[in-house]
Amino acid sequence: MATDPKLMELLKATSTLPTEDKIQLIRSITDQLKSDLKGIRETPGESLRGLWKGLDITAQEIDDNQHEVWRNFPREIIG
């Protein structure tokens, strides 16, 4: 639960509000949060599409790497 005295005071004050007022309060806070968060991430993340483009990885290199990764993997059933 909240430990900030200001927040505790607000929670105590809102506990006596009628349900309709609590809903309106939540809507208002949600609108404020949307506004506050609007500028945090304005640029979209870089797309992963084409990440390996231009590396010229061959099918043989992929097969070799898969073999290397799985080489020491346990073969027996664990359980």
PDB file of N, CA and C in Angstrom:
ATOM      1  N   MET A   1       0.842  -1.180   0.000  1.00  0.00           N
ATOM      2  CA  MET A   1       0.000   0.000   0.000  1.00  0.00           C
ATOM      3  C   MET A   1       0.888   1.244   0.000  1.00  0.00           C
ATOM      4  N   ALA A   2       0.289   2.375  -0.218  1.00  0.00           N
ATOM      5  CA  ALA A   2       1.021   3.631  -0.316  1.00  0.00           C
ATOM      6  C   ALA A   2       1.646   4.017   1.018  1.00  0.00           C
ATOM      7  N   THR A   3       2.867   4.534   0.957  1.00  0.00           N
ATOM      8  CA  THR A   3       3.540   4.987   2.175  1.00  0.00           C
ATOM      9  C   THR A   3       3.738   6.499   2.190  1.00  0.00           C
ATOM     10  N   ASP A   4       3.561   7.152   1.063  1.00  0.00           N
ATOM     11  CA  ASP A   4       3.694   8.602   0.983  1.00  0.00           C
ATOM     12  C   ASP A   4       2.531   9.242   1.753  1.00  0.00           C
ATOM     13  N   PRO A   5       2.820  10.095   2.733  1.00  0.00           N
ATOM     14  CA  PRO A   5       1.746  10.701   3.540  1.00  0.00           C
ATOM     15  C   PRO A   5       0.712  11.459   2.702  1.00  0.00           C
ATOM     16  N   LYS A   6       1.167  12.164   1.672  1.00  0.00           N
ATOM     17  CA  LYS A   6       0.224  12.893   0.819  1.00  0.00           C
ATOM     18  C   LYS A   6      -0.715  11.925   0.105  1.00  0.00           C
ATOM     19  N   LEU A   7      -0.140  10.847  -0.386  1.00  0.00           N
ATOM     20  CA  LEU A   7      -0.959   9.860  -1.081  1.00  0.00           C
ATOM     21  C   LEU A   7      -1.932   9.185  -0.122  1.00  0.00           C
ATOM     22  N   MET A   8      -1.473   8.870   1.068  1.00  0.00           N
ATOM     23  CA  MET A   8      -2.351   8.263   2.079  1.00  0.00           C
ATOM     24  C   MET A   8      -3.511   9.198   2.407  1.00  0.00           C
ATOM     25  N   GLU A   9      -3.222  10.493   2.514  1.00  0.00           N
ATOM     26  CA  GLU A   9      -4.263  11.486   2.801  1.00  0.00           C
ATOM     27  C   GLU A   9      -5.283  11.538   1.664  1.00  0.00           C
ATOM     28  N   LEU A  10      -4.797  11.508   0.430  1.00  0.00           N
ATOM     29  CA  LEU A  10      -5.697  11.511  -0.727  1.00  0.00           C
ATOM     30  C   LEU A  10      -6.572  10.260  -0.764  1.00  0.00           C
ATOM     31  N   LEU A  11      -5.961   9.111  -0.490  1.00  0.00           N
ATOM     32  CA  LEU A  11      -6.721   7.864  -0.496  1.00  0.00           C
ATOM     33  C   LEU A  11      -7.797   7.868   0.578  1.00  0.00           C
ATOM     34  N   LYS A  12      -7.457   8.397   1.725  1.00  0.00           N
ATOM     35  CA  LYS A  12      -8.438   8.480   2.815  1.00  0.00           C
ATOM     36  C   LYS A  12      -9.588   9.413   2.430  1.00  0.00           C
ATOM     37  N   ALA A  13      -9.235  10.540   1.805  1.00  0.00           N
ATOM     38  CA  ALA A  13     -10.265  11.508   1.406  1.00  0.00           C
ATOM     39  C   ALA A  13     -11.169  10.937   0.316  1.00  0.00           C
ATOM     40  N   THR A  14     -10.607  10.183  -0.594  1.00  0.00           N
ATOM     41  CA  THR A  14     -11.419   9.645  -1.691  1.00  0.00           C
ATOM     42  C   THR A  14     -12.241   8.436  -1.271  1.00  0.00           C
ATOM     43  N   SER A  15     -11.887   7.808  -0.169  1.00  0.00           N
ATOM     44  CA  SER A  15     -12.636   6.624   0.258  1.00  0.00           C
ATOM     45  C   SER A  15     -14.084   6.955   0.619  1.00  0.00           C
ATOM     46  N   THR A  16     -14.356   8.202   0.949  1.00  0.00           N
ATOM     47  CA  THR A  16     -15.722   8.593   1.328  1.00  0.00           C
ATOM     48  C   THR A  16     -16.543   9.088   0.142  1.00  0.00           C
ATOM     49  N   LEU A  17     -15.920   9.197  -1.019  1.00  0.00           N
ATOM     50  CA  LEU A  17     -16.645   9.677  -2.196  1.00  0.00           C
ATOM     51  C   LEU A  17     -17.652   8.638  -2.684  1.00  0.00           C
ATOM     52  N   PRO A  18     -18.753   9.102  -3.263  1.00  0.00           N
ATOM     53  CA  PRO A  18     -19.689   8.165  -3.896  1.00  0.00           C
ATOM     54  C   PRO A  18     -19.012   7.519  -5.120  1.00  0.00           C
ATOM     55  N   THR A  19     -19.507   6.372  -5.509  1.00  0.00           N
ATOM     56  CA  THR A  19     -18.912   5.619  -6.609  1.00  0.00           C
ATOM     57  C   THR A  19     -18.814   6.449  -7.885  1.00  0.00           C
ATOM     58  N   GLU A  20     -19.841   7.195  -8.222  1.00  0.00           N
ATOM     59  CA  GLU A  20     -19.827   8.001  -9.450  1.00  0.00           C
ATOM     60  C   GLU A  20     -18.689   9.021  -9.423  1.00  0.00           C
ATOM     61  N   ASP A  21     -18.446   9.628  -8.259  1.00  0.00           N
ATOM     62  CA  ASP A  21     -17.366  10.598  -8.132  1.00  0.00           C
ATOM     63  C   ASP A  21     -15.999   9.921  -8.235  1.00  0.00           C
ATOM     64  N   LYS A  22     -15.895   8.715  -7.694  1.00  0.00           N
ATOM     65  CA  LYS A  22     -14.638   7.971  -7.818  1.00  0.00           C
ATOM     66  C   LYS A  22     -14.338   7.658  -9.281  1.00  0.00           C
ATOM     67  N   ILE A  23     -15.387   7.286 -10.016  1.00  0.00           N
ATOM     68  CA  ILE A  23     -15.215   7.003 -11.446  1.00  0.00           C
ATOM     69  C   ILE A  23     -14.753   8.252 -12.179  1.00  0.00           C
ATOM     70  N   GLN A  24     -15.366   9.382 -11.881  1.00  0.00           N
ATOM     71  CA  GLN A  24     -14.977  10.640 -12.514  1.00  0.00           C
ATOM     72  C   GLN A  24     -13.533  10.995 -12.154  1.00  0.00           C
ATOM     73  N   LEU A  25     -13.152  10.761 -10.914  1.00  0.00           N
ATOM     74  CA  LEU A  25     -11.779  11.024 -10.484  1.00  0.00           C
ATOM     75  C   LEU A  25     -10.796  10.150 -11.261  1.00  0.00           C
ATOM     76  N   ILE A  26     -11.125   8.880 -11.407  1.00  0.00           N
ATOM     77  CA  ILE A  26     -10.258   7.964 -12.150  1.00  0.00           C
ATOM     78  C   ILE A  26     -10.131   8.411 -13.605  1.00  0.00           C
ATOM     79  N   ARG A  27     -11.236   8.822 -14.201  1.00  0.00           N
ATOM     80  CA  ARG A  27     -11.183   9.313 -15.591  1.00  0.00           C
ATOM     81  C   ARG A  27     -10.293  10.545 -15.700  1.00  0.00           C
ATOM     82  N   SER A  28     -10.406  11.456 -14.755  1.00  0.00           N
ATOM     83  CA  SER A  28      -9.587  12.670 -14.773  1.00  0.00           C
ATOM     84  C   SER A  28      -8.105  12.334 -14.631  1.00  0.00           C
ATOM     85  N   ILE A  29      -7.796  11.445 -13.702  1.00  0.00           N
ATOM     86  CA  ILE A  29      -6.404  11.050 -13.495  1.00  0.00           C
ATOM     87  C   ILE A  29      -5.866  10.343 -14.730  1.00  0.00           C
ATOM     88  N   THR A  30      -6.702   9.495 -15.349  1.00  0.00           N
ATOM     89  CA  THR A  30      -6.292   8.793 -16.558  1.00  0.00           C
ATOM     90  C   THR A  30      -5.967   9.786 -17.668  1.00  0.00           C
ATOM     91  N   ASP A  31      -6.787  10.790 -17.843  1.00  0.00           N
ATOM     92  CA  ASP A  31      -6.529  11.819 -18.851  1.00  0.00           C
ATOM     93  C   ASP A  31      -5.212  12.545 -18.559  1.00  0.00           C
ATOM     94  N   GLN A  32      -4.975  12.859 -17.288  1.00  0.00           N
ATOM     95  CA  GLN A  32      -3.720  13.524 -16.917  1.00  0.00           C
ATOM     96  C   GLN A  32      -2.520  12.635 -17.222  1.00  0.00           C
ATOM     97  N   LEU A  33      -2.643  11.353 -16.912  1.00  0.00           N
ATOM     98  CA  LEU A  33      -1.547  10.417 -17.172  1.00  0.00           C
ATOM     99  C   LEU A  33      -1.268  10.302 -18.666  1.00  0.00           C
ATOM    100  N   LYS A  34      -2.330  10.232 -19.465  1.00  0.00           N
ATOM    101  CA  LYS A  34      -2.142  10.166 -20.916  1.00  0.00           C
ATOM    102  C   LYS A  34      -1.374  11.387 -21.399  1.00  0.00           C
ATOM    103  N   SER A  35      -1.725  12.539 -20.875  1.00  0.00           N
ATOM    104  CA  SER A  35      -1.051  13.774 -21.249  1.00  0.00           C
ATOM    105  C   SER A  35       0.407  13.761 -20.790  1.00  0.00           C
ATOM    106  N   ASP A  36       0.641  13.303 -19.569  1.00  0.00           N
ATOM    107  CA  ASP A  36       2.003  13.248 -19.032  1.00  0.00           C
ATOM    108  C   ASP A  36       2.885  12.282 -19.823  1.00  0.00           C
ATOM    109  N   LEU A  37       2.300  11.174 -20.247  1.00  0.00           N
ATOM    110  CA  LEU A  37       3.075  10.136 -20.922  1.00  0.00           C
ATOM    111  C   LEU A  37       3.208  10.361 -22.423  1.00  0.00           C
ATOM    112  N   LYS A  38       2.462  11.292 -22.946  1.00  0.00           N
ATOM    113  CA  LYS A  38       2.431  11.519 -24.389  1.00  0.00           C
ATOM    114  C   LYS A  38       3.816  11.769 -24.980  1.00  0.00           C
ATOM    115  N   GLY A  39       4.629  12.557 -24.329  1.00  0.00           N
ATOM    116  CA  GLY A  39       5.928  12.922 -24.875  1.00  0.00           C
ATOM    117  C   GLY A  39       7.053  11.966 -24.562  1.00  0.00           C
ATOM    118  N   ILE A  40       6.796  10.934 -23.793  1.00  0.00           N
ATOM    119  CA  ILE A  40       7.876  10.054 -23.371  1.00  0.00           C
ATOM    120  C   ILE A  40       8.477   9.280 -24.534  1.00  0.00           C
ATOM    121  N   ARG A  41       7.638   8.734 -25.408  1.00  0.00           N
ATOM    122  CA  ARG A  41       8.152   7.961 -26.534  1.00  0.00           C
ATOM    123  C   ARG A  41       7.473   8.440 -27.806  1.00  0.00           C
ATOM    124  N   GLU A  42       8.023   9.476 -28.369  1.00  0.00           N
ATOM    125  CA  GLU A  42       7.435  10.031 -29.574  1.00  0.00           C
ATOM    126  C   GLU A  42       7.929   9.319 -30.814  1.00  0.00           C
ATOM    127  N   THR A  43       9.162   8.831 -30.788  1.00  0.00           N
ATOM    128  CA  THR A  43       9.690   8.145 -31.958  1.00  0.00           C
ATOM    129  C   THR A  43       9.506   6.649 -31.780  1.00  0.00           C
ATOM    130  N   PRO A  44       8.976   6.004 -32.805  1.00  0.00           N
ATOM    131  CA  PRO A  44       8.791   4.556 -32.698  1.00  0.00           C
ATOM    132  C   PRO A  44      10.134   3.848 -32.666  1.00  0.00           C
ATOM    133  N   GLY A  45      10.148   2.670 -32.066  1.00  0.00           N
ATOM    134  CA  GLY A  45      11.374   1.893 -32.028  1.00  0.00           C
ATOM    135  C   GLY A  45      11.797   1.466 -33.417  1.00  0.00           C
ATOM    136  N   GLU A  46      13.047   1.154 -33.554  1.00  0.00           N
ATOM    137  CA  GLU A  46      13.576   0.735 -34.842  1.00  0.00           C
ATOM    138  C   GLU A  46      13.001  -0.631 -35.206  1.00  0.00           C
ATOM    139  N   SER A  47      12.599  -0.754 -36.435  1.00  0.00           N
ATOM    140  CA  SER A  47      12.023  -2.013 -36.892  1.00  0.00           C
ATOM    141  C   SER A  47      13.107  -3.088 -36.966  1.00  0.00           C
ATOM    142  N   LEU A  48      12.725  -4.302 -36.624  1.00  0.00           N
ATOM    143  CA  LEU A  48      13.653  -5.424 -36.722  1.00  0.00           C
ATOM    144  C   LEU A  48      13.659  -6.030 -38.124  1.00  0.00           C
ATOM    145  N   ARG A  49      12.706  -5.594 -38.932  1.00  0.00           N
ATOM    146  CA  ARG A  49      12.639  -6.076 -40.299  1.00  0.00           C
ATOM    147  C   ARG A  49      13.915  -5.679 -41.035  1.00  0.00           C
ATOM    148  N   GLY A  50      14.551  -6.630 -41.636  1.00  0.00           N
ATOM    149  CA  GLY A  50      15.773  -6.366 -42.392  1.00  0.00           C
ATOM    150  C   GLY A  50      17.015  -6.245 -41.527  1.00  0.00           C
ATOM    151  N   LEU A  51      16.933  -6.690 -40.288  1.00  0.00           N
ATOM    152  CA  LEU A  51      18.056  -6.554 -39.363  1.00  0.00           C
ATOM    153  C   LEU A  51      19.317  -7.244 -39.893  1.00  0.00           C
ATOM    154  N   TRP A  52      19.133  -8.402 -40.522  1.00  0.00           N
ATOM    155  CA  TRP A  52      20.283  -9.175 -41.012  1.00  0.00           C
ATOM    156  C   TRP A  52      20.585  -8.889 -42.480  1.00  0.00           C
ATOM    157  N   LYS A  53      19.855  -7.969 -43.079  1.00  0.00           N
ATOM    158  CA  LYS A  53      20.034  -7.650 -44.491  1.00  0.00           C
ATOM    159  C   LYS A  53      21.474  -7.206 -44.765  1.00  0.00           C
ATOM    160  N   GLY A  54      22.051  -7.791 -45.781  1.00  0.00           N
ATOM    161  CA  GLY A  54      23.392  -7.409 -46.186  1.00  0.00           C
ATOM    162  C   GLY A  54      24.494  -8.188 -45.499  1.00  0.00           C
ATOM    163  N   LEU A  55      24.153  -9.119 -44.608  1.00  0.00           N
ATOM    164  CA  LEU A  55      25.193  -9.887 -43.919  1.00  0.00           C
ATOM    165  C   LEU A  55      25.637 -11.116 -44.707  1.00  0.00           C
ATOM    166  N   ASP A  56      24.881 -11.498 -45.725  1.00  0.00           N
ATOM    167  CA  ASP A  56      25.227 -12.633 -46.582  1.00  0.00           C
ATOM    168  C   ASP A  56      25.518 -13.899 -45.795  1.00  0.00           C
ATOM    169  N   ILE A  57      24.607 -14.269 -44.920  1.00  0.00           N
ATOM    170  CA  ILE A  57      24.739 -15.503 -44.144  1.00  0.00           C
ATOM    171  C   ILE A  57      24.207 -16.643 -44.998  1.00  0.00           C
ATOM    172  N   THR A  58      25.011 -17.666 -45.157  1.00  0.00           N
ATOM    173  CA  THR A  58      24.613 -18.796 -45.991  1.00  0.00           C
ATOM    174  C   THR A  58      23.855 -19.829 -45.170  1.00  0.00           C
ATOM    175  N   ALA A  59      23.130 -20.686 -45.878  1.00  0.00           N
ATOM    176  CA  ALA A  59      22.403 -21.772 -45.221  1.00  0.00           C
ATOM    177  C   ALA A  59      23.381 -22.698 -44.507  1.00  0.00           C
ATOM    178  N   GLN A  60      24.552 -22.901 -45.094  1.00  0.00           N
ATOM    179  CA  GLN A  60      25.563 -23.768 -44.467  1.00  0.00           C
ATOM    180  C   GLN A  60      26.046 -23.169 -43.149  1.00  0.00           C
ATOM    181  N   GLU A  61      26.253 -21.867 -43.103  1.00  0.00           N
ATOM    182  CA  GLU A  61      26.672 -21.209 -41.863  1.00  0.00           C
ATOM    183  C   GLU A  61      25.599 -21.352 -40.782  1.00  0.00           C
ATOM    184  N   ILE A  62      24.338 -21.227 -41.167  1.00  0.00           N
ATOM    185  CA  ILE A  62      23.244 -21.404 -40.209  1.00  0.00           C
ATOM    186  C   ILE A  62      23.244 -22.829 -39.683  1.00  0.00           C
ATOM    187  N   ASP A  63      23.376 -23.811 -40.583  1.00  0.00           N
ATOM    188  CA  ASP A  63      23.411 -25.216 -40.173  1.00  0.00           C
ATOM    189  C   ASP A  63      24.587 -25.492 -39.240  1.00  0.00           C
ATOM    190  N   ASP A  64      25.753 -24.958 -39.573  1.00  0.00           N
ATOM    191  CA  ASP A  64      26.941 -25.164 -38.740  1.00  0.00           C
ATOM    192  C   ASP A  64      26.747 -24.577 -37.341  1.00  0.00           C
ATOM    193  N   ASN A  65      26.184 -23.391 -37.282  1.00  0.00           N
ATOM    194  CA  ASN A  65      25.962 -22.751 -35.985  1.00  0.00           C
ATOM    195  C   ASN A  65      24.921 -23.494 -35.158  1.00  0.00           C
ATOM    196  N   GLN A  66      23.866 -23.982 -35.811  1.00  0.00           N
ATOM    197  CA  GLN A  66      22.866 -24.765 -35.087  1.00  0.00           C
ATOM    198  C   GLN A  66      23.491 -26.042 -34.531  1.00  0.00           C
ATOM    199  N   HIS A  67      24.325 -26.686 -35.335  1.00  0.00           N
ATOM    200  CA  HIS A  67      24.991 -27.909 -34.886  1.00  0.00           C
ATOM    201  C   HIS A  67      25.877 -27.610 -33.670  1.00  0.00           C
ATOM    202  N   GLU A  68      26.605 -26.501 -33.724  1.00  0.00           N
ATOM    203  CA  GLU A  68      27.498 -26.121 -32.624  1.00  0.00           C
ATOM    204  C   GLU A  68      26.710 -25.844 -31.343  1.00  0.00           C
ATOM    205  N   VAL A  69      25.585 -25.142 -31.471  1.00  0.00           N
ATOM    206  CA  VAL A  69      24.774 -24.791 -30.304  1.00  0.00           C
ATOM    207  C   VAL A  69      24.196 -26.039 -29.659  1.00  0.00           C
ATOM    208  N   TRP A  70      23.703 -26.978 -30.463  1.00  0.00           N
ATOM    209  CA  TRP A  70      23.034 -28.158 -29.943  1.00  0.00           C
ATOM    210  C   TRP A  70      23.976 -29.321 -29.660  1.00  0.00           C
ATOM    211  N   ARG A  71      25.257 -29.185 -29.974  1.00  0.00           N
ATOM    212  CA  ARG A  71      26.224 -30.281 -29.856  1.00  0.00           C
ATOM    213  C   ARG A  71      26.273 -30.869 -28.454  1.00  0.00           C
ATOM    214  N   ASN A  72      26.277 -30.052 -27.421  1.00  0.00           N
ATOM    215  CA  ASN A  72      26.414 -30.533 -26.050  1.00  0.00           C
ATOM    216  C   ASN A  72      25.085 -30.591 -25.295  1.00  0.00           C
ATOM    217  N   PHE A  73      23.995 -30.461 -26.014  1.00  0.00           N
ATOM    218  CA  PHE A  73      22.689 -30.522 -25.372  1.00  0.00           C
ATOM    219  C   PHE A  73      22.415 -31.961 -24.923  1.00  0.00           C
ATOM    220  N   PRO A  74      21.922 -32.131 -23.681  1.00  0.00           N
ATOM    221  CA  PRO A  74      21.679 -33.492 -23.195  1.00  0.00           C
ATOM    222  C   PRO A  74      20.689 -34.253 -24.070  1.00  0.00           C
ATOM    223  N   ARG A  75      21.013 -35.490 -24.362  1.00  0.00           N
ATOM    224  CA  ARG A  75      20.166 -36.316 -25.243  1.00  0.00           C
ATOM    225  C   ARG A  75      19.163 -37.156 -24.457  1.00  0.00           C
ATOM    226  N   GLU A  76      19.460 -37.446 -23.198  1.00  0.00           N
ATOM    227  CA  GLU A  76      18.551 -38.269 -22.431  1.00  0.00           C
ATOM    228  C   GLU A  76      17.361 -37.464 -21.949  1.00  0.00           C
ATOM    229  N   ILE A  77      16.277 -38.151 -21.678  1.00  0.00           N
ATOM    230  CA  ILE A  77      15.067 -37.507 -21.180  1.00  0.00           C
ATOM    231  C   ILE A  77      15.251 -37.166 -19.705  1.00  0.00           C
ATOM    232  N   ILE A  78      15.000 -35.930 -19.381  1.00  0.00           N
ATOM    233  CA  ILE A  78      15.145 -35.489 -17.990  1.00  0.00           C
ATOM    234  C   ILE A  78      13.763 -35.481 -17.372  1.00  0.00           C
ATOM    235  N   GLY A  79      13.622 -36.111 -16.220  1.00  0.00           N
ATOM    236  CA  GLY A  79      12.311 -36.062 -15.621  1.00  0.00           C
ATOM    237  C   GLY A  79      12.106 -37.099 -14.667  1.00  0.00           C
TER     238      GLY A  79
END
